[in-house]
């Protein structure tokens, strides 16, 4: 695997991990199970999640195009 492919894969994994953490936080908060209350409103957190999700889809597409999607 070439260095730029490794960076692409690492970036995908990092973004996906953070995306899932944010998704879980939003879900837990909407269910009323979270005691934390960030200053950011829920709609802003959801926009952040949507942006992260869109970015991870772009990265996944690039991984497929590079032929290294078997590592995700």
PDB file of N, CA and C in Angstrom:
ATOM      1  N   UNK A   1       0.849  -1.172   0.000  1.00  0.00           N
ATOM      2  CA  UNK A   1       0.000   0.000   0.000  1.00  0.00           C
ATOM      3  C   UNK A   1       0.900   1.242   0.000  1.00  0.00           C
ATOM      4  N   UNK A   2       0.562   2.190  -0.840  1.00  0.00           N
ATOM      5  CA  UNK A   2       1.346   3.424  -0.960  1.00  0.00           C
ATOM      6  C   UNK A   2       1.057   4.357   0.218  1.00  0.00           C
ATOM      7  N   UNK A   3       1.981   5.262   0.539  1.00  0.00           N
ATOM      8  CA  UNK A   3       1.795   6.161   1.690  1.00  0.00           C
ATOM      9  C   UNK A   3       0.479   6.946   1.647  1.00  0.00           C
ATOM     10  N   UNK A   4       0.100   7.475   0.488  1.00  0.00           N
ATOM     11  CA  UNK A   4      -1.142   8.244   0.426  1.00  0.00           C
ATOM     12  C   UNK A   4      -2.357   7.346   0.650  1.00  0.00           C
ATOM     13  N   UNK A   5      -2.265   6.081   0.252  1.00  0.00           N
ATOM     14  CA  UNK A   5      -3.366   5.144   0.497  1.00  0.00           C
ATOM     15  C   UNK A   5      -3.486   4.838   1.991  1.00  0.00           C
ATOM     16  N   UNK A   6      -2.342   4.718   2.657  1.00  0.00           N
ATOM     17  CA  UNK A   6      -2.350   4.501   4.108  1.00  0.00           C
ATOM     18  C   UNK A   6      -2.984   5.689   4.818  1.00  0.00           C
ATOM     19  N   UNK A   7      -2.618   6.907   4.377  1.00  0.00           N
ATOM     20  CA  UNK A   7      -3.207   8.110   4.984  1.00  0.00           C
ATOM     21  C   UNK A   7      -4.713   8.156   4.742  1.00  0.00           C
ATOM     22  N   UNK A   8      -5.129   7.794   3.548  1.00  0.00           N
ATOM     23  CA  UNK A   8      -6.552   7.772   3.216  1.00  0.00           C
ATOM     24  C   UNK A   8      -7.296   6.789   4.118  1.00  0.00           C
ATOM     25  N   UNK A   9      -6.748   5.609   4.277  1.00  0.00           N
ATOM     26  CA  UNK A   9      -7.370   4.593   5.123  1.00  0.00           C
ATOM     27  C   UNK A   9      -7.405   5.040   6.586  1.00  0.00           C
ATOM     28  N   UNK A  10      -6.309   5.613   7.070  1.00  0.00           N
ATOM     29  CA  UNK A  10      -6.262   6.109   8.452  1.00  0.00           C
ATOM     30  C   UNK A  10      -7.280   7.223   8.662  1.00  0.00           C
ATOM     31  N   UNK A  11      -7.389   8.115   7.694  1.00  0.00           N
ATOM     32  CA  UNK A  11      -8.351   9.207   7.786  1.00  0.00           C
ATOM     33  C   UNK A  11      -9.771   8.669   7.820  1.00  0.00           C
ATOM     34  N   UNK A  12     -10.065   7.697   6.969  1.00  0.00           N
ATOM     35  CA  UNK A  12     -11.400   7.087   6.955  1.00  0.00           C
ATOM     36  C   UNK A  12     -11.719   6.468   8.314  1.00  0.00           C
ATOM     37  N   UNK A  13     -10.796   5.690   8.836  1.00  0.00           N
ATOM     38  CA  UNK A  13     -11.032   5.022  10.121  1.00  0.00           C
ATOM     39  C   UNK A  13     -11.228   6.032  11.252  1.00  0.00           C
ATOM     40  N   UNK A  14     -10.430   7.093  11.242  1.00  0.00           N
ATOM     41  CA  UNK A  14     -10.540   8.120  12.289  1.00  0.00           C
ATOM     42  C   UNK A  14     -11.885   8.835  12.202  1.00  0.00           C
ATOM     43  N   UNK A  15     -12.250   9.259  11.000  1.00  0.00           N
ATOM     44  CA  UNK A  15     -13.517   9.977  10.821  1.00  0.00           C
ATOM     45  C   UNK A  15     -14.692   9.071  11.172  1.00  0.00           C
ATOM     46  N   UNK A  16     -14.637   7.819  10.745  1.00  0.00           N
ATOM     47  CA  UNK A  16     -15.727   6.880  11.029  1.00  0.00           C
ATOM     48  C   UNK A  16     -15.889   6.673  12.536  1.00  0.00           C
ATOM     49  N   UNK A  17     -14.761   6.528  13.222  1.00  0.00           N
ATOM     50  CA  UNK A  17     -14.806   6.327  14.676  1.00  0.00           C
ATOM     51  C   UNK A  17     -15.465   7.520  15.358  1.00  0.00           C
ATOM     52  N   UNK A  18     -15.042   8.729  14.998  1.00  0.00           N
ATOM     53  CA  UNK A  18     -15.620   9.935  15.601  1.00  0.00           C
ATOM     54  C   UNK A  18     -17.085  10.122  15.194  1.00  0.00           C
ATOM     55  N   UNK A  19     -17.393   9.779  13.949  1.00  0.00           N
ATOM     56  CA  UNK A  19     -18.782   9.868  13.472  1.00  0.00           C
ATOM     57  C   UNK A  19     -19.695   8.968  14.304  1.00  0.00           C
ATOM     58  N   UNK A  20     -19.260   7.746  14.549  1.00  0.00           N
ATOM     59  CA  UNK A  20     -20.074   6.812  15.330  1.00  0.00           C
ATOM     60  C   UNK A  20     -20.208   7.246  16.785  1.00  0.00           C
ATOM     61  N   UNK A  21     -19.138   7.811  17.340  1.00  0.00           N
ATOM     62  CA  UNK A  21     -19.221   8.318  18.712  1.00  0.00           C
ATOM     63  C   UNK A  21     -20.238   9.452  18.814  1.00  0.00           C
ATOM     64  N   UNK A  22     -20.219  10.352  17.835  1.00  0.00           N
ATOM     65  CA  UNK A  22     -21.168  11.460  17.833  1.00  0.00           C
ATOM     66  C   UNK A  22     -22.586  10.949  17.636  1.00  0.00           C
ATOM     67  N   UNK A  23     -22.771   9.990  16.733  1.00  0.00           N
ATOM     68  CA  UNK A  23     -24.097   9.408  16.507  1.00  0.00           C
ATOM     69  C   UNK A  23     -24.641   8.795  17.794  1.00  0.00           C
ATOM     70  N   UNK A  24     -23.798   8.033  18.480  1.00  0.00           N
ATOM     71  CA  UNK A  24     -24.227   7.407  19.741  1.00  0.00           C
ATOM     72  C   UNK A  24     -24.581   8.453  20.787  1.00  0.00           C
ATOM     73  N   UNK A  25     -23.790   9.520  20.853  1.00  0.00           N
ATOM     74  CA  UNK A  25     -24.078  10.582  21.812  1.00  0.00           C
ATOM     75  C   UNK A  25     -25.426  11.237  21.515  1.00  0.00           C
ATOM     76  N   UNK A  26     -25.668  11.530  20.241  1.00  0.00           N
ATOM     77  CA  UNK A  26     -26.949  12.142  19.846  1.00  0.00           C
ATOM     78  C   UNK A  26     -28.098  11.219  20.221  1.00  0.00           C
ATOM     79  N   UNK A  27     -27.956   9.947  19.919  1.00  0.00           N
ATOM     80  CA  UNK A  27     -29.008   8.976  20.224  1.00  0.00           C
ATOM     81  C   UNK A  27     -29.268   8.900  21.731  1.00  0.00           C
ATOM     82  N   UNK A  28     -28.205   8.787  22.503  1.00  0.00           N
ATOM     83  CA  UNK A  28     -28.341   8.697  23.960  1.00  0.00           C
ATOM     84  C   UNK A  28     -28.978   9.967  24.515  1.00  0.00           C
ATOM     85  N   UNK A  29     -28.570  11.094  23.983  1.00  0.00           N
ATOM     86  CA  UNK A  29     -29.133  12.361  24.460  1.00  0.00           C
ATOM     87  C   UNK A  29     -30.609  12.480  24.100  1.00  0.00           C
ATOM     88  N   UNK A  30     -30.981  12.049  22.889  1.00  0.00           N
ATOM     89  CA  UNK A  30     -32.389  12.116  22.493  1.00  0.00           C
ATOM     90  C   UNK A  30     -33.251  11.162  23.310  1.00  0.00           C
ATOM     91  N   UNK A  31     -32.667  10.079  23.778  1.00  0.00           N
ATOM     92  CA  UNK A  31     -33.403   9.138  24.626  1.00  0.00           C
ATOM     93  C   UNK A  31     -33.462   9.605  26.080  1.00  0.00           C
ATOM     94  N   UNK A  32     -32.784  10.714  26.357  1.00  0.00           N
ATOM     95  CA  UNK A  32     -32.790  11.257  27.712  1.00  0.00           C
ATOM     96  C   UNK A  32     -31.885  10.517  28.671  1.00  0.00           C
ATOM     97  N   UNK A  33     -30.912   9.789  28.140  1.00  0.00           N
ATOM     98  CA  UNK A  33     -30.039   8.979  28.981  1.00  0.00           C
ATOM     99  C   UNK A  33     -28.697   9.641  29.272  1.00  0.00           C
ATOM    100  N   UNK A  34     -28.478  10.824  28.723  1.00  0.00           N
ATOM    101  CA  UNK A  34     -27.213  11.525  28.933  1.00  0.00           C
ATOM    102  C   UNK A  34     -27.393  12.644  29.943  1.00  0.00           C
ATOM    103  N   UNK A  35     -26.439  12.723  30.860  1.00  0.00           N
ATOM    104  CA  UNK A  35     -26.483  13.789  31.859  1.00  0.00           C
ATOM    105  C   UNK A  35     -25.707  15.017  31.399  1.00  0.00           C
ATOM    106  N   UNK A  36     -24.880  14.858  30.371  1.00  0.00           N
ATOM    107  CA  UNK A  36     -24.103  15.995  29.877  1.00  0.00           C
ATOM    108  C   UNK A  36     -24.957  16.845  28.953  1.00  0.00           C
ATOM    109  N   UNK A  37     -24.712  18.129  28.974  1.00  0.00           N
ATOM    110  CA  UNK A  37     -25.440  19.068  28.134  1.00  0.00           C
ATOM    111  C   UNK A  37     -24.444  20.066  27.539  1.00  0.00           C
ATOM    112  N   UNK A  38     -23.936  19.780  26.333  1.00  0.00           N
ATOM    113  CA  UNK A  38     -23.010  20.737  25.732  1.00  0.00           C
ATOM    114  C   UNK A  38     -23.733  22.029  25.368  1.00  0.00           C
ATOM    115  N   UNK A  39     -22.968  23.081  25.196  1.00  0.00           N
ATOM    116  CA  UNK A  39     -23.564  24.366  24.847  1.00  0.00           C
ATOM    117  C   UNK A  39     -24.121  24.367  23.434  1.00  0.00           C
ATOM    118  N   UNK A  40     -23.579  23.506  22.581  1.00  0.00           N
ATOM    119  CA  UNK A  40     -24.057  23.435  21.193  1.00  0.00           C
ATOM    120  C   UNK A  40     -25.466  22.844  21.165  1.00  0.00           C
ATOM    121  N   UNK A  41     -26.377  23.467  20.423  1.00  0.00           N
ATOM    122  CA  UNK A  41     -27.727  22.917  20.324  1.00  0.00           C
ATOM    123  C   UNK A  41     -27.736  21.609  19.529  1.00  0.00           C
ATOM    124  N   UNK A  42     -28.750  20.809  19.769  1.00  0.00           N
ATOM    125  CA  UNK A  42     -28.844  19.493  19.135  1.00  0.00           C
ATOM    126  C   UNK A  42     -28.822  19.594  17.608  1.00  0.00           C
ATOM    127  N   UNK A  43     -29.466  20.615  17.038  1.00  0.00           N
ATOM    128  CA  UNK A  43     -29.487  20.710  15.580  1.00  0.00           C
ATOM    129  C   UNK A  43     -28.083  20.930  15.012  1.00  0.00           C
ATOM    130  N   UNK A  44     -27.224  21.615  15.764  1.00  0.00           N
ATOM    131  CA  UNK A  44     -25.851  21.811  15.320  1.00  0.00           C
ATOM    132  C   UNK A  44     -25.065  20.501  15.395  1.00  0.00           C
ATOM    133  N   UNK A  45     -25.288  19.738  16.447  1.00  0.00           N
ATOM    134  CA  UNK A  45     -24.633  18.432  16.564  1.00  0.00           C
ATOM    135  C   UNK A  45     -25.063  17.512  15.429  1.00  0.00           C
ATOM    136  N   UNK A  46     -26.335  17.576  15.064  1.00  0.00           N
ATOM    137  CA  UNK A  46     -26.826  16.749  13.962  1.00  0.00           C
ATOM    138  C   UNK A  46     -26.224  17.186  12.630  1.00  0.00           C
ATOM    139  N   UNK A  47     -26.052  18.487  12.433  1.00  0.00           N
ATOM    140  CA  UNK A  47     -25.401  18.972  11.210  1.00  0.00           C
ATOM    141  C   UNK A  47     -23.954  18.494  11.153  1.00  0.00           C
ATOM    142  N   UNK A  48     -23.289  18.525  12.303  1.00  0.00           N
ATOM    143  CA  UNK A  48     -21.911  18.036  12.360  1.00  0.00           C
ATOM    144  C   UNK A  48     -21.878  16.556  11.992  1.00  0.00           C
ATOM    145  N   UNK A  49     -22.799  15.778  12.539  1.00  0.00           N
ATOM    146  CA  UNK A  49     -22.852  14.352  12.218  1.00  0.00           C
ATOM    147  C   UNK A  49     -23.082  14.144  10.722  1.00  0.00           C
ATOM    148  N   UNK A  50     -24.024  14.880  10.147  1.00  0.00           N
ATOM    149  CA  UNK A  50     -24.322  14.740   8.719  1.00  0.00           C
ATOM    150  C   UNK A  50     -23.089  15.045   7.874  1.00  0.00           C
ATOM    151  N   UNK A  51     -22.338  16.085   8.249  1.00  0.00           N
ATOM    152  CA  UNK A  51     -21.128  16.440   7.510  1.00  0.00           C
ATOM    153  C   UNK A  51     -20.073  15.341   7.633  1.00  0.00           C
ATOM    154  N   UNK A  52     -19.910  14.815   8.833  1.00  0.00           N
ATOM    155  CA  UNK A  52     -18.948  13.743   9.046  1.00  0.00           C
ATOM    156  C   UNK A  52     -19.343  12.496   8.264  1.00  0.00           C
ATOM    157  N   UNK A  53     -20.637  12.204   8.257  1.00  0.00           N
ATOM    158  CA  UNK A  53     -21.137  11.035   7.537  1.00  0.00           C
ATOM    159  C   UNK A  53     -20.893  11.189   6.036  1.00  0.00           C
ATOM    160  N   UNK A  54     -21.170  12.358   5.519  1.00  0.00           N
ATOM    161  CA  UNK A  54     -20.947  12.620   4.095  1.00  0.00           C
ATOM    162  C   UNK A  54     -19.459  12.484   3.754  1.00  0.00           C
ATOM    163  N   UNK A  55     -18.599  13.015   4.606  1.00  0.00           N
ATOM    164  CA  UNK A  55     -17.166  12.928   4.381  1.00  0.00           C
ATOM    165  C   UNK A  55     -16.694  11.472   4.426  1.00  0.00           C
ATOM    166  N   UNK A  56     -17.200  10.688   5.354  1.00  0.00           N
ATOM    167  CA  UNK A  56     -16.784   9.282   5.431  1.00  0.00           C
ATOM    168  C   UNK A  56     -17.248   8.518   4.194  1.00  0.00           C
ATOM    169  N   UNK A  57     -18.397   8.884   3.629  1.00  0.00           N
ATOM    170  CA  UNK A  57     -18.856   8.242   2.396  1.00  0.00           C
ATOM    171  C   UNK A  57     -17.927   8.589   1.233  1.00  0.00           C
ATOM    172  N   UNK A  58     -17.475   9.837   1.172  1.00  0.00           N
ATOM    173  CA  UNK A  58     -16.530  10.241   0.129  1.00  0.00           C
ATOM    174  C   UNK A  58     -15.223   9.460   0.276  1.00  0.00           C
ATOM    175  N   UNK A  59     -14.731   9.360   1.498  1.00  0.00           N
ATOM    176  CA  UNK A  59     -13.500   8.608   1.729  1.00  0.00           C
ATOM    177  C   UNK A  59     -13.679   7.134   1.357  1.00  0.00           C
ATOM    178  N   UNK A  60     -14.828   6.560   1.700  1.00  0.00           N
ATOM    179  CA  UNK A  60     -15.102   5.159   1.367  1.00  0.00           C
ATOM    180  C   UNK A  60     -15.119   4.962  -0.143  1.00  0.00           C
ATOM    181  N   UNK A  61     -15.688   5.902  -0.866  1.00  0.00           N
ATOM    182  CA  UNK A  61     -15.706   5.827  -2.329  1.00  0.00           C
ATOM    183  C   UNK A  61     -14.287   5.848  -2.881  1.00  0.00           C
ATOM    184  N   UNK A  62     -13.456   6.721  -2.318  1.00  0.00           N
ATOM    185  CA  UNK A  62     -12.058   6.779  -2.751  1.00  0.00           C
ATOM    186  C   UNK A  62     -11.327   5.478  -2.433  1.00  0.00           C
ATOM    187  N   UNK A  63     -11.626   4.869  -1.293  1.00  0.00           N
ATOM    188  CA  UNK A  63     -11.003   3.590  -0.950  1.00  0.00           C
ATOM    189  C   UNK A  63     -11.366   2.521  -1.972  1.00  0.00           C
ATOM    190  N   UNK A  64     -12.616   2.507  -2.392  1.00  0.00           N
ATOM    191  CA  UNK A  64     -13.057   1.553  -3.413  1.00  0.00           C
ATOM    192  C   UNK A  64     -12.320   1.828  -4.714  1.00  0.00           C
ATOM    193  N   UNK A  65     -12.227   3.081  -5.098  1.00  0.00           N
ATOM    194  CA  UNK A  65     -11.543   3.439  -6.333  1.00  0.00           C
ATOM    195  C   UNK A  65     -10.065   3.061  -6.300  1.00  0.00           C
ATOM    196  N   UNK A  66      -9.460   3.128  -5.134  1.00  0.00           N
ATOM    197  CA  UNK A  66      -8.050   2.765  -4.980  1.00  0.00           C
ATOM    198  C   UNK A  66      -7.853   1.260  -4.850  1.00  0.00           C
ATOM    199  N   UNK A  67      -8.967   0.544  -4.678  1.00  0.00           N
ATOM    200  CA  UNK A  67      -8.872  -0.908  -4.532  1.00  0.00           C
ATOM    201  C   UNK A  67      -8.410  -1.356  -3.170  1.00  0.00           C
ATOM    202  N   UNK A  68      -8.562  -0.493  -2.163  1.00  0.00           N
ATOM    203  CA  UNK A  68      -8.124  -0.861  -0.814  1.00  0.00           C
ATOM    204  C   UNK A  68      -9.294  -0.895   0.165  1.00  0.00           C
ATOM    205  N   UNK A  69     -10.492  -1.064  -0.360  1.00  0.00           N
ATOM    206  CA  UNK A  69     -11.679  -1.088   0.495  1.00  0.00           C
ATOM    207  C   UNK A  69     -11.765  -2.360   1.326  1.00  0.00           C
ATOM    208  N   UNK A  70     -10.978  -3.365   1.010  1.00  0.00           N
ATOM    209  CA  UNK A  70     -11.009  -4.599   1.801  1.00  0.00           C
ATOM    210  C   UNK A  70     -10.466  -4.402   3.206  1.00  0.00           C
ATOM    211  N   UNK A  71      -9.806  -3.259   3.437  1.00  0.00           N
ATOM    212  CA  UNK A  71      -9.227  -2.970   4.753  1.00  0.00           C
ATOM    213  C   UNK A  71     -10.183  -2.205   5.669  1.00  0.00           C
ATOM    214  N   UNK A  72     -11.359  -1.853   5.165  1.00  0.00           N
ATOM    215  CA  UNK A  72     -12.291  -1.096   6.013  1.00  0.00           C
ATOM    216  C   UNK A  72     -13.274  -2.031   6.684  1.00  0.00           C
TER     217      UNK A  72
END
